[in-house]
Amino acid sequence: MSTPTGALDSDAARNAIAAVAKGCSGHVGLAARHLDTGEELTWNPDAAIQTASTVKVAIYAEVLRQSRLGLVGLDARVTTRPADLTGGSGVLALLRPGAACTVADLCTLMIVVSDNTATNMLIDLLGGVAAVNRGMASLGYPGIRLDHKVSIPPPPLVAAAPPPRRPPAAPLAMATPAELCRLLADLHAGSVVDRAASAQMITTLRYQQDKSLFPRAYLEVAAPEEPPGPRDPAIAHKTGCVSDCRADTGLLDLPEDGGTIAYCAVADRLADQTMTALAERDEILGRLGAIVLARWRPGLARPSVPSIWPARSELRRSVWYDPPDEPSRG
């Protein structure tokens, strides 16, 4: 398969990534591989990163591994308890305890809306953090390491105010872009657990609701149930967010039989810790997604993504980022 006319060559693509990394207030990582040609585009692929919620892809794989062993039933119903409710992303923490979901439903919620309550319930069903790590190692991904369950107090909407929780000292999970990219490549090959399990995971990942990161600059993205069109690649992916990190890992299906790209992109250890769509890390991942698409399928992303975050040199001069010992200039 030849490189499409007008596509960025590998040197131009790496130079574009270097420009993004130079303007970043933290760490940029990327591992992208065209699965039909074997061509790669990488930046710090073997440096350890916070996975944030992208680790939930590996947890999903472990659920399906245990289901094949008869240890977990996908159709089994699990009822939420007050102790299960966990804050952050998702919907289960906003519902009264007693909501009944199947294990398969918990997996769907964990992926498509990154539900933290569903995630913690699944970790418990799998036998705890250590059991999840053993399972991921047995699947062939020892470099993806879960450190703890999600530890965010639930909102007071349906739960009594919980006692204060000391935030964990370590990130939720650690991996490398290369390891997460390999997991997604293996899903495409049908070798994670088995072919049916891999296909099930990819289908669920197609329904990921957050399109604000890697595909941020794409002109269009195919609907989950639709194949790629002339202007819109299809994407199956999982995003992750903590205060100083955004990550996105997935499979990008190119139009017109252009093949599939497995990728993991991350912006980590950032000075900008705001949590809106205007945050630095969201734009960084959008730029990386545009570069990857331009490398193998030009014309489907905006030619440039306008800069919307202040440069590092401007952070101290912005009223939003004034250090506490300096007066506001508002």
C-alpha atoms as a PDB file:
ATOM      1  CA  MET A   1       0.000   0.000   0.000  1.00  0.00           C
ATOM      2  CA  SER A   2       1.587   3.276  -1.118  1.00  0.00           C
ATOM      3  CA  THR A   3       1.486   6.590   0.720  1.00  0.00           C
ATOM      4  CA  PRO A   4      -1.429   8.686  -0.615  1.00  0.00           C
ATOM      5  CA  THR A   5      -0.585  11.690  -2.776  1.00  0.00           C
ATOM      6  CA  GLY A   6      -0.268  14.821  -0.667  1.00  0.00           C
ATOM      7  CA  ALA A   7       0.312  12.955   2.583  1.00  0.00           C
ATOM      8  CA  LEU A   8       2.971  14.131   4.994  1.00  0.00           C
ATOM      9  CA  ASP A   9       6.164  12.145   4.663  1.00  0.00           C
ATOM     10  CA  SER A  10       7.635  10.692   7.846  1.00  0.00           C
ATOM     11  CA  ASP A  11      10.143  13.520   8.335  1.00  0.00           C
ATOM     12  CA  ALA A  12       7.515  16.232   7.904  1.00  0.00           C
ATOM     13  CA  ALA A  13       5.188  14.424  10.299  1.00  0.00           C
ATOM     14  CA  ARG A  14       7.901  14.119  12.947  1.00  0.00           C
ATOM     15  CA  ASN A  15       8.782  17.793  12.522  1.00  0.00           C
ATOM     16  CA  ALA A  16       5.134  18.669  13.075  1.00  0.00           C
ATOM     17  CA  ILE A  17       5.059  16.568  16.256  1.00  0.00           C
ATOM     18  CA  ALA A  18       8.287  18.222  17.421  1.00  0.00           C
ATOM     19  CA  ALA A  19       6.635  21.628  17.036  1.00  0.00           C
ATOM     20  CA  VAL A  20       3.681  20.477  19.151  1.00  0.00           C
ATOM     21  CA  ALA A  21       6.015  19.056  21.820  1.00  0.00           C
ATOM     22  CA  LYS A  22       8.098  22.254  21.882  1.00  0.00           C
ATOM     23  CA  GLY A  23       5.028  24.335  22.660  1.00  0.00           C
ATOM     24  CA  CYS A  24       3.755  21.923  25.317  1.00  0.00           C
ATOM     25  CA  SER A  25       4.184  22.744  28.996  1.00  0.00           C
ATOM     26  CA  GLY A  26       4.728  19.063  29.823  1.00  0.00           C
ATOM     27  CA  HIS A  27       5.346  15.710  28.136  1.00  0.00           C
ATOM     28  CA  VAL A  28       4.053  14.535  24.749  1.00  0.00           C
ATOM     29  CA  GLY A  29       3.891  10.863  23.791  1.00  0.00           C
ATOM     30  CA  LEU A  30       2.674   9.162  20.638  1.00  0.00           C
ATOM     31  CA  ALA A  31       2.741   5.670  19.178  1.00  0.00           C
ATOM     32  CA  ALA A  32       0.888   5.226  15.888  1.00  0.00           C
ATOM     33  CA  ARG A  33       1.202   2.268  13.538  1.00  0.00           C
ATOM     34  CA  HIS A  34      -0.425   1.692  10.161  1.00  0.00           C
ATOM     35  CA  LEU A  35      -1.446  -1.922  10.565  1.00  0.00           C
ATOM     36  CA  ASP A  36      -1.507  -2.703   6.846  1.00  0.00           C
ATOM     37  CA  THR A  37       1.960  -1.353   5.995  1.00  0.00           C
ATOM     38  CA  GLY A  38       3.716  -1.542   9.369  1.00  0.00           C
ATOM     39  CA  GLU A  39       4.786   2.104   9.088  1.00  0.00           C
ATOM     40  CA  GLU A  40       5.075   3.878  12.423  1.00  0.00           C
ATOM     41  CA  LEU A  41       4.971   7.466  13.667  1.00  0.00           C
ATOM     42  CA  THR A  42       6.224   7.843  17.229  1.00  0.00           C
ATOM     43  CA  TRP A  43       7.347  10.353  19.829  1.00  0.00           C
ATOM     44  CA  ASN A  44       8.556   9.131  23.233  1.00  0.00           C
ATOM     45  CA  PRO A  45       6.745   5.815  22.668  1.00  0.00           C
ATOM     46  CA  ASP A  46       8.535   3.956  25.474  1.00  0.00           C
ATOM     47  CA  ALA A  47       8.329   6.644  28.171  1.00  0.00           C
ATOM     48  CA  ALA A  48       6.008   5.791  31.066  1.00  0.00           C
ATOM     49  CA  ILE A  49       2.821   7.844  31.147  1.00  0.00           C
ATOM     50  CA  GLN A  50      -0.302   8.157  33.229  1.00  0.00           C
ATOM     51  CA  THR A  51      -2.971   6.190  31.422  1.00  0.00           C
ATOM     52  CA  ALA A  52      -5.884   7.962  33.110  1.00  0.00           C
ATOM     53  CA  SER A  53      -9.040   6.137  31.962  1.00  0.00           C
ATOM     54  CA  THR A  54      -7.457   4.517  28.902  1.00  0.00           C
ATOM     55  CA  VAL A  55      -6.539   1.668  31.276  1.00  0.00           C
ATOM     56  CA  LYS A  56     -10.237   0.760  31.162  1.00  0.00           C
ATOM     57  CA  VAL A  57      -9.622  -0.925  27.796  1.00  0.00           C
ATOM     58  CA  ALA A  58      -7.300  -3.377  29.565  1.00  0.00           C
ATOM     59  CA  ILE A  59      -9.822  -3.879  32.387  1.00  0.00           C
ATOM     60  CA  TYR A  60     -12.455  -4.693  29.759  1.00  0.00           C
ATOM     61  CA  ALA A  61     -10.104  -7.277  28.246  1.00  0.00           C
ATOM     62  CA  GLU A  62      -9.642  -8.891  31.656  1.00  0.00           C
ATOM     63  CA  VAL A  63     -13.426  -9.077  32.143  1.00  0.00           C
ATOM     64  CA  LEU A  64     -13.728 -10.991  28.877  1.00  0.00           C
ATOM     65  CA  ARG A  65     -10.759 -13.224  29.745  1.00  0.00           C
ATOM     66  CA  GLN A  66     -12.389 -14.202  33.045  1.00  0.00           C
ATOM     67  CA  SER A  67     -15.751 -14.650  31.352  1.00  0.00           C
ATOM     68  CA  ARG A  68     -14.213 -17.216  29.006  1.00  0.00           C
ATOM     69  CA  LEU A  69     -12.873 -19.066  32.060  1.00  0.00           C
ATOM     70  CA  GLY A  70     -16.335 -19.134  33.621  1.00  0.00           C
ATOM     71  CA  LEU A  71     -15.303 -16.825  36.481  1.00  0.00           C
ATOM     72  CA  VAL A  72     -17.506 -13.885  35.466  1.00  0.00           C
ATOM     73  CA  GLY A  73     -20.887 -14.021  33.757  1.00  0.00           C
ATOM     74  CA  LEU A  74     -21.516 -11.191  31.308  1.00  0.00           C
ATOM     75  CA  ASP A  75     -25.277 -11.526  31.780  1.00  0.00           C
ATOM     76  CA  ALA A  76     -25.069 -11.627  35.583  1.00  0.00           C
ATOM     77  CA  ARG A  77     -26.822  -8.712  37.255  1.00  0.00           C
ATOM     78  CA  VAL A  78     -24.974  -6.576  39.765  1.00  0.00           C
ATOM     79  CA  THR A  79     -26.697  -4.029  42.009  1.00  0.00           C
ATOM     80  CA  THR A  80     -25.015  -0.805  43.037  1.00  0.00           C
ATOM     81  CA  ARG A  81     -24.433  -0.275  46.739  1.00  0.00           C
ATOM     82  CA  PRO A  82     -23.806   3.039  48.496  1.00  0.00           C
ATOM     83  CA  ALA A  83     -20.159   2.047  48.928  1.00  0.00           C
ATOM     84  CA  ASP A  84     -19.814   1.548  45.160  1.00  0.00           C
ATOM     85  CA  LEU A  85     -20.734   5.094  44.192  1.00  0.00           C
ATOM     86  CA  THR A  86     -17.679   6.906  42.901  1.00  0.00           C
ATOM     87  CA  GLY A  87     -17.388  10.468  41.637  1.00  0.00           C
ATOM     88  CA  GLY A  88     -15.855  11.806  38.474  1.00  0.00           C
ATOM     89  CA  SER A  89     -17.060  10.680  35.057  1.00  0.00           C
ATOM     90  CA  GLY A  90     -20.097   8.497  34.514  1.00  0.00           C
ATOM     91  CA  VAL A  91     -23.760   8.295  35.474  1.00  0.00           C
ATOM     92  CA  LEU A  92     -24.142   5.510  38.053  1.00  0.00           C
ATOM     93  CA  ALA A  93     -22.986   7.756  40.914  1.00  0.00           C
ATOM     94  CA  LEU A  94     -25.903  10.061  40.090  1.00  0.00           C
ATOM     95  CA  LEU A  95     -28.450   7.251  40.458  1.00  0.00           C
ATOM     96  CA  ARG A  96     -29.781   5.961  43.743  1.00  0.00           C
ATOM     97  CA  PRO A  97     -28.142   2.781  45.070  1.00  0.00           C
ATOM     98  CA  GLY A  98     -29.966  -0.329  43.930  1.00  0.00           C
ATOM     99  CA  ALA A  99     -29.589   0.188  40.183  1.00  0.00           C
ATOM    100  CA  ALA A 100     -29.148  -3.242  38.563  1.00  0.00           C
ATOM    101  CA  CYS A 101     -26.830  -3.648  35.595  1.00  0.00           C
ATOM    102  CA  THR A 102     -25.455  -6.680  33.855  1.00  0.00           C
ATOM    103  CA  VAL A 103     -21.686  -7.101  33.837  1.00  0.00           C
ATOM    104  CA  ALA A 104     -21.776  -6.406  30.088  1.00  0.00           C
ATOM    105  CA  ASP A 105     -23.653  -3.167  30.783  1.00  0.00           C
ATOM    106  CA  LEU A 106     -21.013  -2.147  33.325  1.00  0.00           C
ATOM    107  CA  CYS A 107     -18.368  -2.675  30.638  1.00  0.00           C
ATOM    108  CA  THR A 108     -20.304  -0.516  28.198  1.00  0.00           C
ATOM    109  CA  LEU A 109     -20.686   2.267  30.763  1.00  0.00           C
ATOM    110  CA  MET A 110     -16.985   2.021  31.655  1.00  0.00           C
ATOM    111  CA  ILE A 111     -16.033   2.591  28.026  1.00  0.00           C
ATOM    112  CA  VAL A 112     -18.595   4.873  26.397  1.00  0.00           C
ATOM    113  CA  VAL A 113     -19.019   7.358  29.277  1.00  0.00           C
ATOM    114  CA  SER A 114     -15.942   6.285  31.293  1.00  0.00           C
ATOM    115  CA  ASP A 115     -18.135   5.488  34.299  1.00  0.00           C
ATOM    116  CA  ASN A 116     -15.934   5.296  37.406  1.00  0.00           C
ATOM    117  CA  THR A 117     -18.532   3.524  39.550  1.00  0.00           C
ATOM    118  CA  ALA A 118     -18.877   0.804  36.897  1.00  0.00           C
ATOM    119  CA  THR A 119     -15.094   0.561  36.710  1.00  0.00           C
ATOM    120  CA  ASN A 120     -14.657   0.033  40.440  1.00  0.00           C
ATOM    121  CA  MET A 121     -17.460  -2.523  40.518  1.00  0.00           C
ATOM    122  CA  LEU A 122     -15.752  -4.467  37.729  1.00  0.00           C
ATOM    123  CA  ILE A 123     -12.388  -4.340  39.501  1.00  0.00           C
ATOM    124  CA  ASP A 124     -14.064  -5.839  42.575  1.00  0.00           C
ATOM    125  CA  LEU A 125     -15.764  -8.548  40.487  1.00  0.00           C
ATOM    126  CA  LEU A 126     -12.415  -9.451  38.924  1.00  0.00           C
ATOM    127  CA  GLY A 127     -10.820  -9.971  42.343  1.00  0.00           C
ATOM    128  CA  GLY A 128      -9.214  -6.577  42.991  1.00  0.00           C
ATOM    129  CA  VAL A 129      -6.345  -4.536  41.630  1.00  0.00           C
ATOM    130  CA  ALA A 130      -3.711  -7.270  41.994  1.00  0.00           C
ATOM    131  CA  ALA A 131      -5.915  -9.785  40.172  1.00  0.00           C
ATOM    132  CA  VAL A 132      -6.472  -7.322  37.323  1.00  0.00           C
ATOM    133  CA  ASN A 133      -2.709  -6.841  36.969  1.00  0.00           C
ATOM    134  CA  ARG A 134      -2.115 -10.593  36.942  1.00  0.00           C
ATOM    135  CA  GLY A 135      -4.760 -10.956  34.269  1.00  0.00           C
ATOM    136  CA  MET A 136      -3.278  -8.207  32.100  1.00  0.00           C
ATOM    137  CA  ALA A 137       0.133  -9.853  32.400  1.00  0.00           C
ATOM    138  CA  SER A 138      -1.331 -13.217  31.388  1.00  0.00           C
ATOM    139  CA  LEU A 139      -2.900 -11.538  28.353  1.00  0.00           C
ATOM    140  CA  GLY A 140       0.563 -10.303  27.389  1.00  0.00           C
ATOM    141  CA  TYR A 141       0.509  -6.700  28.643  1.00  0.00           C
ATOM    142  CA  PRO A 142       2.613  -6.579  31.814  1.00  0.00           C
ATOM    143  CA  GLY A 143       3.545  -2.985  31.039  1.00  0.00           C
ATOM    144  CA  ILE A 144       0.004  -1.801  31.784  1.00  0.00           C
ATOM    145  CA  ARG A 145      -0.226  -1.545  35.567  1.00  0.00           C
ATOM    146  CA  LEU A 146      -3.285  -0.560  37.570  1.00  0.00           C
ATOM    147  CA  ASP A 147      -2.312   1.017  40.901  1.00  0.00           C
ATOM    148  CA  HIS A 148      -5.641   1.469  42.686  1.00  0.00           C
ATOM    149  CA  LYS A 149      -9.379   1.804  42.185  1.00  0.00           C
ATOM    150  CA  VAL A 150     -10.788   5.210  41.254  1.00  0.00           C
ATOM    151  CA  SER A 151     -10.888   7.223  44.465  1.00  0.00           C
ATOM    152  CA  ILE A 152     -13.206  10.203  44.016  1.00  0.00           C
ATOM    153  CA  PRO A 153     -16.019  10.887  46.499  1.00  0.00           C
ATOM    154  CA  PRO A 154     -19.491  10.605  44.960  1.00  0.00           C
ATOM    155  CA  PRO A 155     -21.616  13.713  44.540  1.00  0.00           C
ATOM    156  CA  PRO A 156     -24.129  14.338  47.346  1.00  0.00           C
ATOM    157  CA  LEU A 157     -27.093  14.123  44.955  1.00  0.00           C
ATOM    158  CA  VAL A 158     -28.113  10.607  46.025  1.00  0.00           C
ATOM    159  CA  ALA A 159     -25.513   9.708  48.659  1.00  0.00           C
ATOM    160  CA  ALA A 160     -24.796  11.014  52.111  1.00  0.00           C
ATOM    161  CA  ALA A 161     -21.651  13.086  52.336  1.00  0.00           C
ATOM    162  CA  PRO A 162     -18.799  10.567  52.593  1.00  0.00           C
ATOM    163  CA  PRO A 163     -15.866  10.992  54.918  1.00  0.00           C
ATOM    164  CA  PRO A 164     -12.943  12.827  53.309  1.00  0.00           C
ATOM    165  CA  ARG A 165     -10.684  10.577  51.260  1.00  0.00           C
ATOM    166  CA  ARG A 166      -6.964  11.111  51.017  1.00  0.00           C
ATOM    167  CA  PRO A 167      -6.113  11.157  47.317  1.00  0.00           C
ATOM    168  CA  PRO A 168      -3.832   8.309  46.229  1.00  0.00           C
ATOM    169  CA  ALA A 169      -0.164   9.190  45.938  1.00  0.00           C
ATOM    170  CA  ALA A 170       0.175   7.318  42.644  1.00  0.00           C
ATOM    171  CA  PRO A 171      -1.666   7.739  39.329  1.00  0.00           C
ATOM    172  CA  LEU A 172      -4.565   5.389  38.614  1.00  0.00           C
ATOM    173  CA  ALA A 173      -2.407   3.369  36.214  1.00  0.00           C
ATOM    174  CA  MET A 174       0.835   3.587  34.250  1.00  0.00           C
ATOM    175  CA  ALA A 175       1.855   2.280  30.834  1.00  0.00           C
ATOM    176  CA  THR A 176       3.707   3.425  27.731  1.00  0.00           C
ATOM    177  CA  PRO A 177       2.160   4.659  24.478  1.00  0.00           C
ATOM    178  CA  ALA A 178       3.810   1.707  22.742  1.00  0.00           C
ATOM    179  CA  GLU A 179       2.142  -0.840  25.046  1.00  0.00           C
ATOM    180  CA  LEU A 180      -1.322   0.683  24.690  1.00  0.00           C
ATOM    181  CA  CYS A 181      -0.866   0.949  20.919  1.00  0.00           C
ATOM    182  CA  ARG A 182       0.091  -2.746  20.850  1.00  0.00           C
ATOM    183  CA  LEU A 183      -3.050  -3.672  22.798  1.00  0.00           C
ATOM    184  CA  LEU A 184      -5.209  -1.879  20.227  1.00  0.00           C
ATOM    185  CA  ALA A 185      -3.294  -3.441  17.334  1.00  0.00           C
ATOM    186  CA  ASP A 186      -3.907  -6.856  18.871  1.00  0.00           C
ATOM    187  CA  LEU A 187      -7.619  -6.071  19.162  1.00  0.00           C
ATOM    188  CA  HIS A 188      -7.653  -5.381  15.426  1.00  0.00           C
ATOM    189  CA  ALA A 189      -5.868  -8.686  14.822  1.00  0.00           C
ATOM    190  CA  GLY A 190      -8.466 -10.502  16.943  1.00  0.00           C
ATOM    191  CA  SER A 191      -5.873 -11.869  19.351  1.00  0.00           C
ATOM    192  CA  VAL A 192      -6.995 -10.276  22.633  1.00  0.00           C
ATOM    193  CA  VAL A 193      -8.677 -13.177  24.491  1.00  0.00           C
ATOM    194  CA  ASP A 194     -10.180 -14.468  21.224  1.00  0.00           C
ATOM    195  CA  ARG A 195     -11.556 -13.116  17.960  1.00  0.00           C
ATOM    196  CA  ALA A 196     -15.117 -12.716  19.263  1.00  0.00           C
ATOM    197  CA  ALA A 197     -13.972 -10.896  22.406  1.00  0.00           C
ATOM    198  CA  SER A 198     -11.758  -8.579  20.368  1.00  0.00           C
ATOM    199  CA  ALA A 199     -14.629  -7.767  18.017  1.00  0.00           C
ATOM    200  CA  GLN A 200     -16.941  -7.106  20.966  1.00  0.00           C
ATOM    201  CA  MET A 201     -14.457  -4.672  22.476  1.00  0.00           C
ATOM    202  CA  ILE A 202     -13.954  -2.820  19.189  1.00  0.00           C
ATOM    203  CA  THR A 203     -17.722  -2.465  18.740  1.00  0.00           C
ATOM    204  CA  THR A 204     -18.060  -0.976  22.227  1.00  0.00           C
ATOM    205  CA  LEU A 205     -15.114   1.371  21.633  1.00  0.00           C
ATOM    206  CA  ARG A 206     -16.851   2.675  18.498  1.00  0.00           C
ATOM    207  CA  TYR A 207     -19.542   4.141  20.771  1.00  0.00           C
ATOM    208  CA  GLN A 208     -17.093   6.212  22.838  1.00  0.00           C
ATOM    209  CA  GLN A 209     -18.887   9.535  23.343  1.00  0.00           C
ATOM    210  CA  ASP A 210     -15.876  11.825  23.813  1.00  0.00           C
ATOM    211  CA  LYS A 211     -14.602  13.092  20.451  1.00  0.00           C
ATOM    212  CA  SER A 212     -12.776  16.130  21.858  1.00  0.00           C
ATOM    213  CA  LEU A 213      -9.253  14.690  21.790  1.00  0.00           C
ATOM    214  CA  PHE A 214      -7.544  12.714  18.994  1.00  0.00           C
ATOM    215  CA  PRO A 215     -10.327  13.300  16.395  1.00  0.00           C
ATOM    216  CA  ARG A 216     -10.850  16.901  17.570  1.00  0.00           C
ATOM    217  CA  ALA A 217      -9.673  18.435  14.266  1.00  0.00           C
ATOM    218  CA  TYR A 218     -11.291  15.909  11.921  1.00  0.00           C
ATOM    219  CA  LEU A 219     -13.787  17.302   9.445  1.00  0.00           C
ATOM    220  CA  GLU A 220     -16.150  14.418  10.175  1.00  0.00           C
ATOM    221  CA  VAL A 221     -16.174  11.077  12.017  1.00  0.00           C
ATOM    222  CA  ALA A 222     -18.321   8.173  10.865  1.00  0.00           C
ATOM    223  CA  ALA A 223     -21.244   7.230  13.091  1.00  0.00           C
ATOM    224  CA  PRO A 224     -20.536   4.152  15.259  1.00  0.00           C
ATOM    225  CA  GLU A 225     -22.659   1.862  13.130  1.00  0.00           C
ATOM    226  CA  GLU A 226     -21.367   3.223   9.797  1.00  0.00           C
ATOM    227  CA  PRO A 227     -18.219   2.290   7.836  1.00  0.00           C
ATOM    228  CA  PRO A 228     -15.728   5.018   6.915  1.00  0.00           C
ATOM    229  CA  GLY A 229     -16.995   7.394   4.230  1.00  0.00           C
ATOM    230  CA  PRO A 230     -15.090   9.476   1.687  1.00  0.00           C
ATOM    231  CA  ARG A 231     -14.656  12.324   4.197  1.00  0.00           C
ATOM    232  CA  ASP A 232     -15.085  10.647   7.541  1.00  0.00           C
ATOM    233  CA  PRO A 233     -12.780   8.013   9.044  1.00  0.00           C
ATOM    234  CA  ALA A 234     -14.234   5.649  11.619  1.00  0.00           C
ATOM    235  CA  ILE A 235     -12.771   5.507  15.107  1.00  0.00           C
ATOM    236  CA  ALA A 236     -12.967   3.063  18.003  1.00  0.00           C
ATOM    237  CA  HIS A 237     -11.215   4.519  21.021  1.00  0.00           C
ATOM    238  CA  LYS A 238     -11.008   5.312  24.730  1.00  0.00           C
ATOM    239  CA  THR A 239     -10.125   8.650  26.251  1.00  0.00           C
ATOM    240  CA  GLY A 240      -8.697   9.471  29.661  1.00  0.00           C
ATOM    241  CA  CYS A 241      -8.478  12.633  31.732  1.00  0.00           C
ATOM    242  CA  VAL A 242      -6.931  13.710  35.004  1.00  0.00           C
ATOM    243  CA  SER A 243      -5.953  17.225  35.986  1.00  0.00           C
ATOM    244  CA  ASP A 244      -2.551  17.311  34.291  1.00  0.00           C
ATOM    245  CA  CYS A 245      -3.029  14.611  31.636  1.00  0.00           C
ATOM    246  CA  ARG A 246      -5.135  13.700  28.628  1.00  0.00           C
ATOM    247  CA  ALA A 247      -4.751  10.388  26.802  1.00  0.00           C
ATOM    248  CA  ASP A 248      -6.519   8.744  23.874  1.00  0.00           C
ATOM    249  CA  THR A 249      -5.920   5.259  22.466  1.00  0.00           C
ATOM    250  CA  GLY A 250      -7.771   3.562  19.656  1.00  0.00           C
ATOM    251  CA  LEU A 251      -8.157   2.283  16.121  1.00  0.00           C
ATOM    252  CA  LEU A 252      -8.600   4.698  13.226  1.00  0.00           C
ATOM    253  CA  ASP A 253     -10.170   3.149  10.093  1.00  0.00           C
ATOM    254  CA  LEU A 254      -9.334   5.204   7.014  1.00  0.00           C
ATOM    255  CA  PRO A 255     -11.742   5.776   4.115  1.00  0.00           C
ATOM    256  CA  GLU A 256     -11.530   4.087   0.736  1.00  0.00           C
ATOM    257  CA  ASP A 257      -9.727   0.969   1.975  1.00  0.00           C
ATOM    258  CA  GLY A 258      -6.923   3.100   3.353  1.00  0.00           C
ATOM    259  CA  GLY A 259      -6.246   0.667   6.175  1.00  0.00           C
ATOM    260  CA  THR A 260      -6.309   0.951   9.949  1.00  0.00           C
ATOM    261  CA  ILE A 261      -4.068   2.863  12.337  1.00  0.00           C
ATOM    262  CA  ALA A 262      -3.585   1.790  15.950  1.00  0.00           C
ATOM    263  CA  TYR A 263      -2.506   4.650  18.175  1.00  0.00           C
ATOM    264  CA  CYS A 264      -1.975   6.009  21.657  1.00  0.00           C
ATOM    265  CA  ALA A 265      -1.469   9.751  22.186  1.00  0.00           C
ATOM    266  CA  VAL A 266      -0.877  11.529  25.485  1.00  0.00           C
ATOM    267  CA  ALA A 267      -0.163  14.968  26.889  1.00  0.00           C
ATOM    268  CA  ASP A 268       1.087  14.504  30.452  1.00  0.00           C
ATOM    269  CA  ARG A 269       2.539  16.501  33.376  1.00  0.00           C
ATOM    270  CA  LEU A 270       1.076  19.765  32.119  1.00  0.00           C
ATOM    271  CA  ALA A 271       1.141  23.163  33.782  1.00  0.00           C
ATOM    272  CA  ASP A 272      -2.386  23.887  32.550  1.00  0.00           C
ATOM    273  CA  GLN A 273      -4.663  21.822  34.794  1.00  0.00           C
ATOM    274  CA  THR A 274      -7.978  23.360  33.736  1.00  0.00           C
ATOM    275  CA  MET A 275     -10.707  20.884  32.886  1.00  0.00           C
ATOM    276  CA  THR A 276     -12.524  22.429  29.916  1.00  0.00           C
ATOM    277  CA  ALA A 277     -12.440  21.758  26.178  1.00  0.00           C
ATOM    278  CA  LEU A 278     -10.203  24.837  25.870  1.00  0.00           C
ATOM    279  CA  ALA A 279      -7.445  23.222  27.934  1.00  0.00           C
ATOM    280  CA  GLU A 280      -3.932  22.852  26.554  1.00  0.00           C
ATOM    281  CA  ARG A 281      -3.959  19.067  26.577  1.00  0.00           C
ATOM    282  CA  ASP A 282      -7.142  18.844  24.474  1.00  0.00           C
ATOM    283  CA  GLU A 283      -5.602  20.939  21.731  1.00  0.00           C
ATOM    284  CA  ILE A 284      -2.328  19.009  21.870  1.00  0.00           C
ATOM    285  CA  LEU A 285      -4.114  15.706  21.305  1.00  0.00           C
ATOM    286  CA  GLY A 286      -6.191  17.273  18.541  1.00  0.00           C
ATOM    287  CA  ARG A 287      -3.016  18.421  16.802  1.00  0.00           C
ATOM    288  CA  LEU A 288      -1.480  14.939  17.140  1.00  0.00           C
ATOM    289  CA  GLY A 289      -4.628  13.395  15.687  1.00  0.00           C
ATOM    290  CA  ALA A 290      -4.521  15.801  12.746  1.00  0.00           C
ATOM    291  CA  ILE A 291      -0.848  14.983  12.091  1.00  0.00           C
ATOM    292  CA  VAL A 292      -1.487  11.229  12.168  1.00  0.00           C
ATOM    293  CA  LEU A 293      -4.396  11.595   9.756  1.00  0.00           C
ATOM    294  CA  ALA A 294      -2.363  13.850   7.432  1.00  0.00           C
ATOM    295  CA  ARG A 295       0.439  11.254   7.419  1.00  0.00           C
ATOM    296  CA  TRP A 296      -1.764   8.539   5.951  1.00  0.00           C
ATOM    297  CA  ARG A 297      -4.916  10.239   4.652  1.00  0.00           C
ATOM    298  CA  PRO A 298      -4.529  13.938   3.777  1.00  0.00           C
ATOM    299  CA  GLY A 299      -7.426  16.356   3.440  1.00  0.00           C
ATOM    300  CA  LEU A 300      -9.667  14.978   6.189  1.00  0.00           C
ATOM    301  CA  ALA A 301      -8.484  17.280   8.983  1.00  0.00           C
ATOM    302  CA  ARG A 302      -8.408  21.031   9.262  1.00  0.00           C
ATOM    303  CA  PRO A 303      -5.083  22.208   7.865  1.00  0.00           C
ATOM    304  CA  SER A 304      -4.271  23.940  11.140  1.00  0.00           C
ATOM    305  CA  VAL A 305      -5.814  24.005  14.585  1.00  0.00           C
ATOM    306  CA  PRO A 306      -5.703  27.568  15.949  1.00  0.00           C
ATOM    307  CA  SER A 307      -3.808  27.938  19.178  1.00  0.00           C
ATOM    308  CA  ILE A 308      -6.181  28.558  22.062  1.00  0.00           C
ATOM    309  CA  TRP A 309      -3.959  28.136  25.086  1.00  0.00           C
ATOM    310  CA  PRO A 310      -1.397  30.678  26.332  1.00  0.00           C
ATOM    311  CA  ALA A 311       2.228  29.879  25.726  1.00  0.00           C
ATOM    312  CA  ARG A 312       4.218  28.867  28.786  1.00  0.00           C
ATOM    313  CA  SER A 313       5.828  32.286  28.855  1.00  0.00           C
ATOM    314  CA  GLU A 314       2.361  33.789  29.103  1.00  0.00           C
ATOM    315  CA  LEU A 315       1.106  31.600  31.937  1.00  0.00           C
ATOM    316  CA  ARG A 316       2.462  33.850  34.669  1.00  0.00           C
ATOM    317  CA  ARG A 317       1.110  36.952  32.938  1.00  0.00           C
ATOM    318  CA  SER A 318      -2.411  35.590  32.622  1.00  0.00           C
ATOM    319  CA  VAL A 319      -4.829  36.396  35.424  1.00  0.00           C
ATOM    320  CA  TRP A 320      -5.941  32.749  35.383  1.00  0.00           C
ATOM    321  CA  TYR A 321      -2.457  31.576  36.226  1.00  0.00           C
ATOM    322  CA  ASP A 322      -1.178  34.272  38.587  1.00  0.00           C
ATOM    323  CA  PRO A 323       0.839  32.647  41.361  1.00  0.00           C
ATOM    324  CA  PRO A 324      -0.834  33.116  44.758  1.00  0.00           C
ATOM    325  CA  ASP A 325       1.850  35.522  45.968  1.00  0.00           C
ATOM    326  CA  GLU A 326       1.277  37.944  43.105  1.00  0.00           C
ATOM    327  CA  PRO A 327      -1.679  40.324  42.854  1.00  0.00           C
ATOM    328  CA  SER A 328      -4.320  39.680  40.246  1.00  0.00           C
ATOM    329  CA  ARG A 329      -4.143  41.920  37.204  1.00  0.00           C
ATOM    330  CA  GLY A 330      -7.825  41.546  36.433  1.00  0.00           C
END
